[in-house]
N, C-alpha and C. Protein backbone atom coordinates (compact mmCIF):
# COMPACT_ATOMS: atom_id res chain seq x y z
N UNK A 1 64.09 75.70 95.61
CA UNK A 1 63.87 76.82 94.55
C UNK A 1 64.63 77.97 94.46
N UNK A 2 64.71 78.77 95.27
CA UNK A 2 65.38 79.73 96.33
C UNK A 2 66.89 80.13 95.71
N UNK A 3 67.09 78.60 96.37
CA UNK A 3 68.88 78.03 96.57
C UNK A 3 69.36 78.49 94.87
N UNK A 4 68.91 77.71 94.33
CA UNK A 4 68.61 77.63 92.94
C UNK A 4 69.54 78.78 92.20
N UNK A 5 68.48 79.28 92.52
CA UNK A 5 68.49 81.30 91.84
C UNK A 5 69.52 81.97 92.66
N UNK A 6 69.91 82.49 93.65
CA UNK A 6 70.65 82.19 94.18
C UNK A 6 72.10 81.61 93.84
N UNK A 7 72.56 81.21 93.99
CA UNK A 7 73.26 79.96 93.19
C UNK A 7 73.63 80.46 91.47
N UNK A 8 72.27 81.01 90.93
CA UNK A 8 72.51 81.47 89.18
C UNK A 8 73.15 82.99 89.89
N UNK A 9 72.41 83.44 90.92
CA UNK A 9 73.02 84.76 90.57
C UNK A 9 74.71 85.08 91.17
N UNK A 10 74.76 84.22 91.44
CA UNK A 10 76.00 84.24 92.61
C UNK A 10 77.19 83.87 90.84
N UNK A 11 76.80 82.51 90.70
CA UNK A 11 77.50 82.34 89.00
C UNK A 11 77.45 83.24 89.00
N UNK A 12 76.72 84.05 88.27
CA UNK A 12 76.26 85.36 87.46
C UNK A 12 77.49 86.53 87.52
N UNK A 13 77.50 87.16 88.49
CA UNK A 13 78.68 87.75 89.08
C UNK A 13 79.96 87.41 88.71
N UNK A 14 79.90 86.04 88.78
CA UNK A 14 81.53 85.99 88.02
C UNK A 14 82.34 85.84 86.96
N UNK A 15 81.15 86.10 85.87
CA UNK A 15 81.36 86.49 84.47
C UNK A 15 81.72 88.30 84.51
N UNK A 16 81.33 88.40 85.26
CA UNK A 16 80.86 90.64 85.06
C UNK A 16 82.60 90.74 85.39
N UNK A 17 83.34 91.77 84.65
CA UNK A 17 85.18 91.92 84.79
C UNK A 17 84.60 92.76 85.52
N UNK A 18 85.81 92.59 86.23
CA UNK A 18 86.40 94.69 86.71
C UNK A 18 86.04 95.49 86.28
N UNK A 19 86.05 95.91 85.27
CA UNK A 19 85.56 97.84 84.55
C UNK A 19 83.66 97.97 85.19
N UNK A 20 83.48 96.25 84.55
CA UNK A 20 81.97 96.23 84.57
C UNK A 20 81.23 96.27 86.67
N UNK A 21 82.21 95.81 86.92
CA UNK A 21 82.28 95.70 88.46
C UNK A 21 82.43 96.87 89.50
N UNK A 22 82.61 97.79 88.89
CA UNK A 22 82.98 99.35 88.71
C UNK A 22 82.43 100.24 89.02
N UNK A 23 81.27 100.03 87.78
CA UNK A 23 80.07 100.93 88.15
C UNK A 23 78.70 100.01 88.86
N UNK A 24 78.94 99.07 89.59
CA UNK A 24 78.05 98.48 90.40
C UNK A 24 77.79 99.66 91.76
N UNK A 25 76.61 99.24 91.70
CA UNK A 25 76.36 99.76 93.34
C UNK A 25 75.70 98.69 94.23
N UNK A 26 75.78 99.24 95.66
CA UNK A 26 74.71 98.28 96.81
C UNK A 26 75.60 96.93 96.96
N UNK A 27 75.57 95.93 96.99
CA UNK A 27 76.53 95.30 98.49
C UNK A 27 77.81 95.10 96.74
N UNK A 28 77.86 94.47 95.99
CA UNK A 28 77.86 93.92 95.05
C UNK A 28 79.59 94.99 94.29
N UNK A 29 79.44 96.11 94.97
CA UNK A 29 80.17 97.28 94.30
C UNK A 29 81.42 97.51 95.17
N UNK A 30 80.33 96.89 96.95
CA UNK A 30 80.31 97.84 98.29
C UNK A 30 81.88 95.95 98.42
N UNK A 31 81.47 94.95 97.55
CA UNK A 31 82.67 94.10 97.59
C UNK A 31 83.77 93.81 96.94
N UNK A 32 83.58 94.60 96.11
CA UNK A 32 84.49 94.75 94.58
C UNK A 32 85.39 95.71 95.39
N UNK A 33 84.96 97.19 95.73
CA UNK A 33 86.08 98.02 95.44
C UNK A 33 86.13 97.81 97.44
N UNK A 34 85.92 97.94 98.62
CA UNK A 34 86.21 96.38 99.67
C UNK A 34 87.49 95.48 99.30
N UNK A 35 87.42 95.30 98.55
CA UNK A 35 89.33 94.35 98.03
C UNK A 35 89.45 94.70 97.18
N UNK A 36 89.70 95.86 95.79
CA UNK A 36 90.67 96.75 95.43
C UNK A 36 90.82 97.61 96.71
N UNK A 37 90.16 97.94 97.50
CA UNK A 37 91.17 99.00 98.99
C UNK A 37 91.68 98.28 99.58
N UNK A 38 91.60 97.15 99.58
CA UNK A 38 92.66 95.63 100.48
C UNK A 38 94.41 96.06 99.80
N UNK A 39 94.01 95.23 98.96
CA UNK A 39 95.41 95.28 98.01
C UNK A 39 95.75 97.35 98.12
N UNK A 40 94.92 97.33 97.82
CA UNK A 40 95.34 98.99 97.87
C UNK A 40 96.89 100.00 99.09
N UNK A 41 95.69 98.62 100.26
CA UNK A 41 95.85 99.40 101.29
C UNK A 41 97.39 98.52 101.82
N UNK A 42 97.21 97.70 100.78
CA UNK A 42 98.83 96.58 101.31
C UNK A 42 99.93 96.70 100.22
N UNK A 43 99.32 97.75 99.20
CA UNK A 43 101.08 98.12 98.35
C UNK A 43 100.88 99.75 99.00
N UNK A 44 100.23 100.24 99.63
CA UNK A 44 100.67 101.83 99.45
C UNK A 44 100.71 101.36 101.59
N UNK A 45 101.49 101.38 102.73
CA UNK A 45 101.56 101.16 103.74
C UNK A 45 102.13 102.09 103.94
N UNK A 46 103.15 102.47 103.36
CA UNK A 46 104.07 103.66 103.75
C UNK A 46 103.64 105.32 102.97
N UNK A 47 102.57 104.61 102.72
CA UNK A 47 101.75 106.34 102.41
C UNK A 47 101.58 106.90 103.54
N UNK A 48 102.14 109.09 103.02
CA UNK A 48 101.49 109.37 104.20
C UNK A 48 99.98 109.48 104.70
N UNK A 49 99.08 108.98 103.75
CA UNK A 49 97.49 108.87 104.42
C UNK A 49 96.75 107.58 104.39
N UNK A 50 97.91 106.62 104.49
CA UNK A 50 97.50 105.75 105.04
C UNK A 50 96.44 105.46 106.14
N UNK A 51 97.09 106.46 107.40
CA UNK A 51 95.53 105.96 108.60
C UNK A 51 95.07 106.42 108.59
N UNK A 52 94.76 107.82 107.55
CA UNK A 52 92.86 108.33 107.17
C UNK A 52 92.60 107.61 106.02
N UNK A 53 92.94 106.88 105.44
CA UNK A 53 91.92 105.40 104.15
C UNK A 53 91.56 104.52 104.51
N UNK A 54 92.95 104.04 105.89
CA UNK A 54 92.73 102.73 106.71
C UNK A 54 91.08 103.22 107.80
N UNK A 55 90.98 104.18 107.89
CA UNK A 55 90.03 105.24 108.83
C UNK A 55 88.63 105.06 107.89
N UNK A 56 89.13 105.76 106.37
CA UNK A 56 87.71 106.19 105.39
C UNK A 56 87.57 104.42 105.40
N UNK A 57 88.34 103.27 104.63
CA UNK A 57 88.36 101.85 104.31
C UNK A 57 86.90 101.22 105.99
N UNK A 58 87.65 101.51 106.86
CA UNK A 58 86.52 100.79 108.32
C UNK A 58 85.30 101.43 108.38
N UNK A 59 84.46 102.74 108.19
CA UNK A 59 83.99 103.47 108.45
C UNK A 59 83.07 103.12 106.91
N UNK A 60 83.61 102.81 105.59
CA UNK A 60 82.82 102.39 104.73
C UNK A 60 82.41 101.03 104.83
N UNK A 61 83.44 100.79 105.27
CA UNK A 61 83.12 98.59 105.40
C UNK A 61 81.92 99.16 106.22
N UNK A 62 82.18 99.20 107.76
CA UNK A 62 80.44 99.38 108.32
C UNK A 62 79.44 99.94 107.10
N UNK A 63 79.17 101.20 106.97
CA UNK A 63 78.11 101.67 106.68
C UNK A 63 77.82 100.48 105.13
N UNK A 64 78.23 99.68 104.70
CA UNK A 64 78.23 99.11 103.33
C UNK A 64 77.40 97.88 103.56
N UNK A 65 78.08 97.38 105.08
CA UNK A 65 77.34 96.06 106.11
C UNK A 65 76.66 96.89 106.91
N UNK A 66 75.78 97.76 106.44
CA UNK A 66 74.50 98.93 107.28
C UNK A 66 73.30 98.49 106.43
N UNK A 67 73.99 98.48 104.96
CA UNK A 67 72.43 98.31 104.05
C UNK A 67 73.23 99.82 103.13
N UNK A 68 73.75 101.26 103.62
CA UNK A 68 74.22 102.09 103.36
C UNK A 68 75.44 102.16 102.61
N UNK A 69 74.64 101.03 101.26
CA UNK A 69 75.49 101.25 100.09
C UNK A 69 76.32 102.70 99.53
N UNK A 70 75.57 103.98 98.54
CA UNK A 70 75.90 105.04 98.37
C UNK A 70 76.57 105.47 99.64
N UNK A 71 76.62 105.48 100.81
CA UNK A 71 77.79 106.04 101.98
C UNK A 71 78.99 105.30 101.40
N UNK A 72 78.52 104.10 101.82
CA UNK A 72 80.20 103.66 102.18
C UNK A 72 80.69 103.71 100.53
N UNK A 73 79.84 103.14 99.75
CA UNK A 73 80.75 103.31 98.38
C UNK A 73 81.98 105.07 98.53
N UNK A 74 81.56 106.37 99.45
CA UNK A 74 82.07 107.05 98.47
C UNK A 74 83.00 107.26 99.95
N UNK A 75 83.02 106.43 101.03
CA UNK A 75 83.84 106.68 101.67
C UNK A 75 85.42 105.24 101.55
N UNK A 76 84.76 104.37 100.45
CA UNK A 76 85.77 103.93 100.53
C UNK A 76 86.66 103.92 98.40
N UNK A 77 86.16 105.36 98.35
CA UNK A 77 86.42 105.37 96.85
C UNK A 77 87.52 106.64 97.29
N UNK A 78 87.08 107.80 98.27
CA UNK A 78 87.62 108.64 98.91
C UNK A 78 89.27 108.14 99.75
N UNK A 79 89.04 106.84 100.12
CA UNK A 79 90.86 106.36 100.88
C UNK A 79 91.21 105.83 99.54
N UNK A 80 90.53 105.13 98.51
CA UNK A 80 90.99 105.09 97.28
C UNK A 80 92.43 106.19 96.85
N UNK A 81 91.18 106.90 96.61
CA UNK A 81 91.70 108.62 96.08
C UNK A 81 93.15 108.92 97.28
N UNK A 82 93.13 108.35 98.38
CA UNK A 82 93.98 108.87 98.66
C UNK A 82 95.21 108.27 98.84
N UNK A 83 94.79 107.17 98.54
CA UNK A 83 96.49 106.37 98.33
C UNK A 83 96.60 106.74 96.95
N UNK A 84 96.63 107.46 95.83
CA UNK A 84 96.23 108.20 94.38
C UNK A 84 96.53 106.46 93.76
N UNK A 85 95.51 106.06 94.03
CA UNK A 85 94.78 104.80 93.22
C UNK A 85 92.94 104.68 92.66
N UNK A 86 93.19 105.31 90.94
CA UNK A 86 91.90 105.09 90.79
C UNK A 86 91.30 103.40 90.75
N UNK A 87 89.61 104.10 90.83
CA UNK A 87 89.06 103.41 91.28
C UNK A 87 88.87 102.45 89.34
N UNK A 88 88.88 101.27 89.89
CA UNK A 88 88.99 100.44 88.30
C UNK A 88 88.22 98.70 88.27
C-alpha cells in the first residue's frame, strides 16, 4: 500500500510543469533547481563567476541532502544568479 502511494506521488510530480516546480520548496524544489543549475554550469564554464557558482552549488546540494531545504535553495538560487540565469 505504501509503495503504491509513493509511486502515485512520483507520477504526480511528472505532470507538473517547469514553472510550477520552480515555486516548490523542500526536496522537490532542491531537485529541480539542482538540475537547472547543472545545465547552467555546463553552459557557462567560461563565466568569471563559475568557481563561486560551483562552490555555492556544492554547498546548496549538501544542505538540501541534509534536509535544510530553504538554506540549500538559497545557495542554489545565488549560484544561478551568479551565472546570469533566472530560476524558472
